[in-house]
Amino acid sequence: MAERTVRIGSSHGLHARPAKLFTQAASASGSKVTLAKGSGKPINAASILGVISLGVDHGDYVTLTADGDNADKVLDELVELLVTDHDE
């Protein structure tokens, strides 16, 4: 299992638009991916409702995990989505 902790780059956090981009990519990855805010319980990263319910704001740290043969590549791609400011 691979894991990454990253700081959210979108200036308004993971609201609807960046959360949609993130969950679509997590779903399309073919890996089981989870997302957790701080020391909170991990949720399914492919669930838009789960991701939005975390209440992730700009500058918050989240931890991603992925399981599968290409877990590191999947996390690299998802991290790029999270550190990018989609609100510009």
PDB file of N, CA and C in Angstrom:
ATOM      1  N   MET A   1       0.847  -1.176   0.000  1.00  0.00           N
ATOM      2  CA  MET A   1       0.000   0.000   0.000  1.00  0.00           C
ATOM      3  C   MET A   1       0.892   1.238   0.000  1.00  0.00           C
ATOM      4  N   ALA A   2       0.545   2.185  -0.830  1.00  0.00           N
ATOM      5  CA  ALA A   2       1.294   3.446  -0.931  1.00  0.00           C
ATOM      6  C   ALA A   2       0.518   4.537  -0.208  1.00  0.00           C
ATOM      7  N   GLU A   3       1.248   5.535   0.297  1.00  0.00           N
ATOM      8  CA  GLU A   3       0.620   6.618   1.061  1.00  0.00           C
ATOM      9  C   GLU A   3       1.324   7.935   0.772  1.00  0.00           C
ATOM     10  N   ARG A   4       0.546   9.021   0.729  1.00  0.00           N
ATOM     11  CA  ARG A   4       1.083  10.369   0.570  1.00  0.00           C
ATOM     12  C   ARG A   4       0.286  11.321   1.452  1.00  0.00           C
ATOM     13  N   THR A   5       0.962  12.290   2.041  1.00  0.00           N
ATOM     14  CA  THR A   5       0.297  13.367   2.771  1.00  0.00           C
ATOM     15  C   THR A   5       0.605  14.658   2.032  1.00  0.00           C
ATOM     16  N   VAL A   6      -0.457  15.415   1.714  1.00  0.00           N
ATOM     17  CA  VAL A   6      -0.293  16.628   0.910  1.00  0.00           C
ATOM     18  C   VAL A   6      -1.125  17.767   1.484  1.00  0.00           C
ATOM     19  N   ARG A   7      -0.739  18.968   1.092  1.00  0.00           N
ATOM     20  CA  ARG A   7      -1.453  20.192   1.488  1.00  0.00           C
ATOM     21  C   ARG A   7      -2.345  20.620   0.330  1.00  0.00           C
ATOM     22  N   ILE A   8      -3.605  20.922   0.616  1.00  0.00           N
ATOM     23  CA  ILE A   8      -4.582  21.293  -0.413  1.00  0.00           C
ATOM     24  C   ILE A   8      -4.246  22.656  -1.002  1.00  0.00           C
ATOM     25  N   GLY A   9      -4.192  22.706  -2.337  1.00  0.00           N
ATOM     26  CA  GLY A   9      -3.807  23.926  -3.028  1.00  0.00           C
ATOM     27  C   GLY A   9      -4.952  24.815  -3.466  1.00  0.00           C
ATOM     28  N   SER A  10      -6.144  24.262  -3.691  1.00  0.00           N
ATOM     29  CA  SER A  10      -7.267  25.085  -4.148  1.00  0.00           C
ATOM     30  C   SER A  10      -7.611  26.133  -3.097  1.00  0.00           C
ATOM     31  N   SER A  11      -7.727  27.374  -3.522  1.00  0.00           N
ATOM     32  CA  SER A  11      -7.915  28.471  -2.582  1.00  0.00           C
ATOM     33  C   SER A  11      -9.231  28.394  -1.812  1.00  0.00           C
ATOM     34  N   HIS A  12     -10.176  27.598  -2.287  1.00  0.00           N
ATOM     35  CA  HIS A  12     -11.445  27.412  -1.569  1.00  0.00           C
ATOM     36  C   HIS A  12     -11.615  25.974  -1.096  1.00  0.00           C
ATOM     37  N   GLY A  13     -10.530  25.207  -1.071  1.00  0.00           N
ATOM     38  CA  GLY A  13     -10.580  23.838  -0.573  1.00  0.00           C
ATOM     39  C   GLY A  13     -11.202  22.871  -1.572  1.00  0.00           C
ATOM     40  N   LEU A  14     -11.602  21.726  -1.057  1.00  0.00           N
ATOM     41  CA  LEU A  14     -12.201  20.699  -1.927  1.00  0.00           C
ATOM     42  C   LEU A  14     -13.715  20.869  -1.968  1.00  0.00           C
ATOM     43  N   HIS A  15     -14.151  21.938  -2.615  1.00  0.00           N
ATOM     44  CA  HIS A  15     -15.577  22.146  -2.837  1.00  0.00           C
ATOM     45  C   HIS A  15     -15.973  21.370  -4.092  1.00  0.00           C
ATOM     46  N   ALA A  16     -17.153  21.579  -4.596  1.00  0.00           N
ATOM     47  CA  ALA A  16     -17.732  20.745  -5.645  1.00  0.00           C
ATOM     48  C   ALA A  16     -16.832  20.512  -6.868  1.00  0.00           C
ATOM     49  N   ARG A  17     -16.310  21.566  -7.475  1.00  0.00           N
ATOM     50  CA  ARG A  17     -15.549  21.378  -8.720  1.00  0.00           C
ATOM     51  C   ARG A  17     -14.246  20.612  -8.519  1.00  0.00           C
ATOM     52  N   PRO A  18     -13.350  21.029  -7.612  1.00  0.00           N
ATOM     53  CA  PRO A  18     -12.129  20.240  -7.440  1.00  0.00           C
ATOM     54  C   PRO A  18     -12.409  18.846  -6.863  1.00  0.00           C
ATOM     55  N   ALA A  19     -13.433  18.719  -6.035  1.00  0.00           N
ATOM     56  CA  ALA A  19     -13.782  17.402  -5.496  1.00  0.00           C
ATOM     57  C   ALA A  19     -14.253  16.482  -6.618  1.00  0.00           C
ATOM     58  N   LYS A  20     -15.004  17.024  -7.567  1.00  0.00           N
ATOM     59  CA  LYS A  20     -15.473  16.227  -8.707  1.00  0.00           C
ATOM     60  C   LYS A  20     -14.289  15.741  -9.535  1.00  0.00           C
ATOM     61  N   LEU A  21     -13.357  16.642  -9.837  1.00  0.00           N
ATOM     62  CA  LEU A  21     -12.172  16.249 -10.612  1.00  0.00           C
ATOM     63  C   LEU A  21     -11.383  15.159  -9.891  1.00  0.00           C
ATOM     64  N   PHE A  22     -11.227  15.331  -8.580  1.00  0.00           N
ATOM     65  CA  PHE A  22     -10.467  14.386  -7.788  1.00  0.00           C
ATOM     66  C   PHE A  22     -11.153  13.017  -7.735  1.00  0.00           C
ATOM     67  N   THR A  23     -12.458  13.001  -7.434  1.00  0.00           N
ATOM     68  CA  THR A  23     -13.154  11.721  -7.295  1.00  0.00           C
ATOM     69  C   THR A  23     -13.261  10.991  -8.633  1.00  0.00           C
ATOM     70  N   GLN A  24     -13.415  11.723  -9.721  1.00  0.00           N
ATOM     71  CA  GLN A  24     -13.445  11.077 -11.036  1.00  0.00           C
ATOM     72  C   GLN A  24     -12.106  10.410 -11.338  1.00  0.00           C
ATOM     73  N   ALA A  25     -11.019  11.091 -11.014  1.00  0.00           N
ATOM     74  CA  ALA A  25      -9.689  10.515 -11.249  1.00  0.00           C
ATOM     75  C   ALA A  25      -9.449   9.310 -10.341  1.00  0.00           C
ATOM     76  N   ALA A  26      -9.891   9.401  -9.087  1.00  0.00           N
ATOM     77  CA  ALA A  26      -9.733   8.275  -8.161  1.00  0.00           C
ATOM     78  C   ALA A  26     -10.524   7.071  -8.651  1.00  0.00           C
ATOM     79  N   SER A  27     -11.723   7.309  -9.123  1.00  0.00           N
ATOM     80  CA  SER A  27     -12.570   6.235  -9.627  1.00  0.00           C
ATOM     81  C   SER A  27     -11.982   5.592 -10.881  1.00  0.00           C
ATOM     82  N   ALA A  28     -11.454   6.411 -11.772  1.00  0.00           N
ATOM     83  CA  ALA A  28     -10.898   5.922 -13.039  1.00  0.00           C
ATOM     84  C   ALA A  28      -9.557   5.216 -12.858  1.00  0.00           C
ATOM     85  N   SER A  29      -8.929   5.380 -11.712  1.00  0.00           N
ATOM     86  CA  SER A  29      -7.592   4.816 -11.498  1.00  0.00           C
ATOM     87  C   SER A  29      -7.575   3.296 -11.455  1.00  0.00           C
ATOM     88  N   GLY A  30      -8.692   2.700 -11.088  1.00  0.00           N
ATOM     89  CA  GLY A  30      -8.740   1.253 -10.966  1.00  0.00           C
ATOM     90  C   GLY A  30      -8.141   0.731  -9.671  1.00  0.00           C
ATOM     91  N   SER A  31      -7.681   1.618  -8.802  1.00  0.00           N
ATOM     92  CA  SER A  31      -7.123   1.239  -7.508  1.00  0.00           C
ATOM     93  C   SER A  31      -8.092   1.617  -6.398  1.00  0.00           C
ATOM     94  N   LYS A  32      -7.973   0.941  -5.271  1.00  0.00           N
ATOM     95  CA  LYS A  32      -8.744   1.337  -4.094  1.00  0.00           C
ATOM     96  C   LYS A  32      -7.979   2.482  -3.445  1.00  0.00           C
ATOM     97  N   VAL A  33      -8.600   3.665  -3.442  1.00  0.00           N
ATOM     98  CA  VAL A  33      -7.947   4.870  -2.919  1.00  0.00           C
ATOM     99  C   VAL A  33      -8.774   5.408  -1.758  1.00  0.00           C
ATOM    100  N   THR A  34      -8.093   5.787  -0.677  1.00  0.00           N
ATOM    101  CA  THR A  34      -8.777   6.419   0.446  1.00  0.00           C
ATOM    102  C   THR A  34      -8.197   7.801   0.688  1.00  0.00           C
ATOM    103  N   LEU A  35      -8.985   8.645   1.352  1.00  0.00           N
ATOM    104  CA  LEU A  35      -8.597  10.009   1.680  1.00  0.00           C
ATOM    105  C   LEU A  35      -8.994  10.274   3.123  1.00  0.00           C
ATOM    106  N   ALA A  36      -8.091  10.870   3.891  1.00  0.00           N
ATOM    107  CA  ALA A  36      -8.393  11.224   5.279  1.00  0.00           C
ATOM    108  C   ALA A  36      -7.881  12.630   5.558  1.00  0.00           C
ATOM    109  N   LYS A  37      -8.650  13.377   6.333  1.00  0.00           N
ATOM    110  CA  LYS A  37      -8.245  14.715   6.759  1.00  0.00           C
ATOM    111  C   LYS A  37      -7.671  14.604   8.162  1.00  0.00           C
ATOM    112  N   GLY A  38      -6.433  15.052   8.324  1.00  0.00           N
ATOM    113  CA  GLY A  38      -5.791  14.972   9.625  1.00  0.00           C
ATOM    114  C   GLY A  38      -5.739  13.536  10.108  1.00  0.00           C
ATOM    115  N   SER A  39      -6.144  13.324  11.343  1.00  0.00           N
ATOM    116  CA  SER A  39      -6.137  11.968  11.894  1.00  0.00           C
ATOM    117  C   SER A  39      -7.520  11.329  11.821  1.00  0.00           C
ATOM    118  N   GLY A  40      -8.386  11.900  10.962  1.00  0.00           N
ATOM    119  CA  GLY A  40      -9.744  11.390  10.819  1.00  0.00           C
ATOM    120  C   GLY A  40      -9.814  10.057  10.112  1.00  0.00           C
ATOM    121  N   LYS A  41     -10.997   9.496  10.093  1.00  0.00           N
ATOM    122  CA  LYS A  41     -11.249   8.201   9.468  1.00  0.00           C
ATOM    123  C   LYS A  41     -11.135   8.324   7.940  1.00  0.00           C
ATOM    124  N   PRO A  42     -10.424   7.403   7.293  1.00  0.00           N
ATOM    125  CA  PRO A  42     -10.316   7.427   5.831  1.00  0.00           C
ATOM    126  C   PRO A  42     -11.659   7.119   5.163  1.00  0.00           C
ATOM    127  N   ILE A  43     -11.900   7.793   4.062  1.00  0.00           N
ATOM    128  CA  ILE A  43     -13.120   7.560   3.279  1.00  0.00           C
ATOM    129  C   ILE A  43     -12.717   7.114   1.877  1.00  0.00           C
ATOM    130  N   ASN A  44     -13.663   6.571   1.147  1.00  0.00           N
ATOM    131  CA  ASN A  44     -13.454   6.167  -0.241  1.00  0.00           C
ATOM    132  C   ASN A  44     -13.244   7.425  -1.080  1.00  0.00           C
ATOM    133  N   ALA A  45     -12.073   7.547  -1.686  1.00  0.00           N
ATOM    134  CA  ALA A  45     -11.738   8.753  -2.448  1.00  0.00           C
ATOM    135  C   ALA A  45     -12.549   8.894  -3.731  1.00  0.00           C
ATOM    136  N   ALA A  46     -13.250   7.854  -4.147  1.00  0.00           N
ATOM    137  CA  ALA A  46     -14.080   7.927  -5.351  1.00  0.00           C
ATOM    138  C   ALA A  46     -15.493   8.417  -5.039  1.00  0.00           C
ATOM    139  N   SER A  47     -15.790   8.690  -3.763  1.00  0.00           N
ATOM    140  CA  SER A  47     -17.116   9.138  -3.349  1.00  0.00           C
ATOM    141  C   SER A  47     -17.156  10.660  -3.226  1.00  0.00           C
ATOM    142  N   ILE A  48     -17.885  11.313  -4.114  1.00  0.00           N
ATOM    143  CA  ILE A  48     -17.978  12.774  -4.082  1.00  0.00           C
ATOM    144  C   ILE A  48     -18.596  13.242  -2.762  1.00  0.00           C
ATOM    145  N   LEU A  49     -19.616  12.565  -2.276  1.00  0.00           N
ATOM    146  CA  LEU A  49     -20.241  12.955  -1.012  1.00  0.00           C
ATOM    147  C   LEU A  49     -19.278  12.770   0.148  1.00  0.00           C
ATOM    148  N   GLY A  50     -18.517  11.679   0.125  1.00  0.00           N
ATOM    149  CA  GLY A  50     -17.532  11.439   1.174  1.00  0.00           C
ATOM    150  C   GLY A  50     -16.463  12.511   1.205  1.00  0.00           C
ATOM    151  N   VAL A  51     -15.947  12.862   0.033  1.00  0.00           N
ATOM    152  CA  VAL A  51     -14.883  13.867  -0.057  1.00  0.00           C
ATOM    153  C   VAL A  51     -15.389  15.233   0.401  1.00  0.00           C
ATOM    154  N   ILE A  52     -16.554  15.644  -0.062  1.00  0.00           N
ATOM    155  CA  ILE A  52     -17.102  16.946   0.336  1.00  0.00           C
ATOM    156  C   ILE A  52     -17.414  16.963   1.833  1.00  0.00           C
ATOM    157  N   SER A  53     -17.872  15.822   2.372  1.00  0.00           N
ATOM    158  CA  SER A  53     -18.232  15.781   3.797  1.00  0.00           C
ATOM    159  C   SER A  53     -17.024  15.933   4.721  1.00  0.00           C
ATOM    160  N   LEU A  54     -15.812  15.745   4.204  1.00  0.00           N
ATOM    161  CA  LEU A  54     -14.623  15.931   5.025  1.00  0.00           C
ATOM    162  C   LEU A  54     -14.393  17.401   5.389  1.00  0.00           C
ATOM    163  N   GLY A  55     -14.952  18.313   4.598  1.00  0.00           N
ATOM    164  CA  GLY A  55     -14.794  19.743   4.875  1.00  0.00           C
ATOM    165  C   GLY A  55     -13.357  20.209   4.749  1.00  0.00           C
ATOM    166  N   VAL A  56     -12.700  19.809   3.680  1.00  0.00           N
ATOM    167  CA  VAL A  56     -11.281  20.130   3.477  1.00  0.00           C
ATOM    168  C   VAL A  56     -11.141  21.547   2.935  1.00  0.00           C
ATOM    169  N   ASP A  57     -10.401  22.375   3.667  1.00  0.00           N
ATOM    170  CA  ASP A  57     -10.180  23.770   3.286  1.00  0.00           C
ATOM    171  C   ASP A  57      -8.780  23.964   2.709  1.00  0.00           C
ATOM    172  N   HIS A  58      -8.561  25.131   2.101  1.00  0.00           N
ATOM    173  CA  HIS A  58      -7.249  25.499   1.581  1.00  0.00           C
ATOM    174  C   HIS A  58      -6.212  25.392   2.697  1.00  0.00           C
ATOM    175  N   GLY A  59      -5.111  24.729   2.404  1.00  0.00           N
ATOM    176  CA  GLY A  59      -4.032  24.605   3.371  1.00  0.00           C
ATOM    177  C   GLY A  59      -4.135  23.412   4.306  1.00  0.00           C
ATOM    178  N   ASP A  60      -5.290  22.746   4.326  1.00  0.00           N
ATOM    179  CA  ASP A  60      -5.429  21.541   5.148  1.00  0.00           C
ATOM    180  C   ASP A  60      -4.540  20.438   4.599  1.00  0.00           C
ATOM    181  N   TYR A  61      -4.117  19.545   5.470  1.00  0.00           N
ATOM    182  CA  TYR A  61      -3.349  18.375   5.060  1.00  0.00           C
ATOM    183  C   TYR A  61      -4.261  17.161   5.008  1.00  0.00           C
ATOM    184  N   VAL A  62      -4.126  16.393   3.948  1.00  0.00           N
ATOM    185  CA  VAL A  62      -4.882  15.155   3.796  1.00  0.00           C
ATOM    186  C   VAL A  62      -3.905  14.024   3.490  1.00  0.00           C
ATOM    187  N   THR A  63      -4.316  12.820   3.831  1.00  0.00           N
ATOM    188  CA  THR A  63      -3.505  11.640   3.559  1.00  0.00           C
ATOM    189  C   THR A  63      -4.249  10.735   2.596  1.00  0.00           C
ATOM    190  N   LEU A  64      -3.557  10.376   1.537  1.00  0.00           N
ATOM    191  CA  LEU A  64      -4.087   9.472   0.516  1.00  0.00           C
ATOM    192  C   LEU A  64      -3.406   8.127   0.643  1.00  0.00           C
ATOM    193  N   THR A  65      -4.160   7.058   0.457  1.00  0.00           N
ATOM    194  CA  THR A  65      -3.565   5.732   0.342  1.00  0.00           C
ATOM    195  C   THR A  65      -4.141   5.065  -0.891  1.00  0.00           C
ATOM    196  N   ALA A  66      -3.338   4.220  -1.499  1.00  0.00           N
ATOM    197  CA  ALA A  66      -3.795   3.460  -2.665  1.00  0.00           C
ATOM    198  C   ALA A  66      -3.229   2.057  -2.584  1.00  0.00           C
ATOM    199  N   ASP A  67      -4.022   1.115  -3.047  1.00  0.00           N
ATOM    200  CA  ASP A  67      -3.628  -0.281  -3.039  1.00  0.00           C
ATOM    201  C   ASP A  67      -3.704  -0.801  -4.469  1.00  0.00           C
ATOM    202  N   GLY A  68      -2.682  -1.504  -4.890  1.00  0.00           N
ATOM    203  CA  GLY A  68      -2.666  -2.069  -6.234  1.00  0.00           C
ATOM    204  C   GLY A  68      -1.286  -1.993  -6.845  1.00  0.00           C
ATOM    205  N   ASP A  69      -1.148  -2.596  -8.021  1.00  0.00           N
ATOM    206  CA  ASP A  69       0.149  -2.655  -8.689  1.00  0.00           C
ATOM    207  C   ASP A  69       0.695  -1.283  -9.062  1.00  0.00           C
ATOM    208  N   ASN A  70      -0.180  -0.370  -9.427  1.00  0.00           N
ATOM    209  CA  ASN A  70       0.257   0.960  -9.871  1.00  0.00           C
ATOM    210  C   ASN A  70      -0.049   2.033  -8.829  1.00  0.00           C
ATOM    211  N   ALA A  71      -0.053   1.658  -7.549  1.00  0.00           N
ATOM    212  CA  ALA A  71      -0.461   2.566  -6.478  1.00  0.00           C
ATOM    213  C   ALA A  71       0.364   3.851  -6.444  1.00  0.00           C
ATOM    214  N   ASP A  72       1.678   3.755  -6.621  1.00  0.00           N
ATOM    215  CA  ASP A  72       2.514   4.965  -6.577  1.00  0.00           C
ATOM    216  C   ASP A  72       2.174   5.918  -7.718  1.00  0.00           C
ATOM    217  N   LYS A  73       1.965   5.387  -8.911  1.00  0.00           N
ATOM    218  CA  LYS A  73       1.610   6.221 -10.064  1.00  0.00           C
ATOM    219  C   LYS A  73       0.248   6.880  -9.857  1.00  0.00           C
ATOM    220  N   VAL A  74      -0.703   6.109  -9.349  1.00  0.00           N
ATOM    221  CA  VAL A  74      -2.038   6.647  -9.070  1.00  0.00           C
ATOM    222  C   VAL A  74      -1.945   7.796  -8.077  1.00  0.00           C
ATOM    223  N   LEU A  75      -1.203   7.606  -7.000  1.00  0.00           N
ATOM    224  CA  LEU A  75      -1.080   8.671  -5.998  1.00  0.00           C
ATOM    225  C   LEU A  75      -0.366   9.890  -6.546  1.00  0.00           C
ATOM    226  N   ASP A  76       0.640   9.692  -7.378  1.00  0.00           N
ATOM    227  CA  ASP A  76       1.321  10.837  -7.992  1.00  0.00           C
ATOM    228  C   ASP A  76       0.335  11.693  -8.772  1.00  0.00           C
ATOM    229  N   GLU A  77      -0.544  11.047  -9.539  1.00  0.00           N
ATOM    230  CA  GLU A  77      -1.531  11.782 -10.347  1.00  0.00           C
ATOM    231  C   GLU A  77      -2.571  12.480  -9.464  1.00  0.00           C
ATOM    232  N   LEU A  78      -3.024  11.796  -8.417  1.00  0.00           N
ATOM    233  CA  LEU A  78      -4.028  12.391  -7.533  1.00  0.00           C
ATOM    234  C   LEU A  78      -3.448  13.528  -6.703  1.00  0.00           C
ATOM    235  N   VAL A  79      -2.204  13.383  -6.275  1.00  0.00           N
ATOM    236  CA  VAL A  79      -1.539  14.458  -5.531  1.00  0.00           C
ATOM    237  C   VAL A  79      -1.466  15.714  -6.386  1.00  0.00           C
ATOM    238  N   GLU A  80      -1.158  15.564  -7.651  1.00  0.00           N
ATOM    239  CA  GLU A  80      -1.081  16.717  -8.557  1.00  0.00           C
ATOM    240  C   GLU A  80      -2.418  17.462  -8.592  1.00  0.00           C
ATOM    241  N   LEU A  81      -3.525  16.741  -8.593  1.00  0.00           N
ATOM    242  CA  LEU A  81      -4.848  17.381  -8.574  1.00  0.00           C
ATOM    243  C   LEU A  81      -5.084  18.136  -7.261  1.00  0.00           C
ATOM    244  N   LEU A  82      -4.617  17.582  -6.159  1.00  0.00           N
ATOM    245  CA  LEU A  82      -4.868  18.203  -4.857  1.00  0.00           C
ATOM    246  C   LEU A  82      -4.006  19.430  -4.600  1.00  0.00           C
ATOM    247  N   VAL A  83      -2.805  19.470  -5.123  1.00  0.00           N
ATOM    248  CA  VAL A  83      -1.927  20.617  -4.859  1.00  0.00           C
ATOM    249  C   VAL A  83      -2.169  21.770  -5.836  1.00  0.00           C
ATOM    250  N   THR A  84      -2.914  21.517  -6.897  1.00  0.00           N
ATOM    251  CA  THR A  84      -3.212  22.542  -7.907  1.00  0.00           C
ATOM    252  C   THR A  84      -4.386  23.409  -7.447  1.00  0.00           C
ATOM    253  N   ASP A  85      -4.297  24.712  -7.654  1.00  0.00           N
ATOM    254  CA  ASP A  85      -5.396  25.614  -7.322  1.00  0.00           C
ATOM    255  C   ASP A  85      -6.374  25.631  -8.486  1.00  0.00           C
ATOM    256  N   HIS A  86      -7.503  24.955  -8.316  1.00  0.00           N
ATOM    257  CA  HIS A  86      -8.540  24.882  -9.366  1.00  0.00           C
ATOM    258  C   HIS A  86      -9.494  26.062  -9.301  1.00  0.00           C
ATOM    259  N   ASP A  87      -9.221  27.028  -8.442  1.00  0.00           N
ATOM    260  CA  ASP A  87     -10.104  28.182  -8.285  1.00  0.00           C
ATOM    261  C   ASP A  87      -9.566  29.430  -8.969  1.00  0.00           C
ATOM    262  N   GLU A  88      -8.466  29.315  -9.678  1.00  0.00           N
ATOM    263  CA  GLU A  88      -7.910  30.498 -10.366  1.00  0.00           C
ATOM    264  C   GLU A  88      -8.586  30.719 -11.683  1.00  0.00           C
TER     265      GLU A  88
END
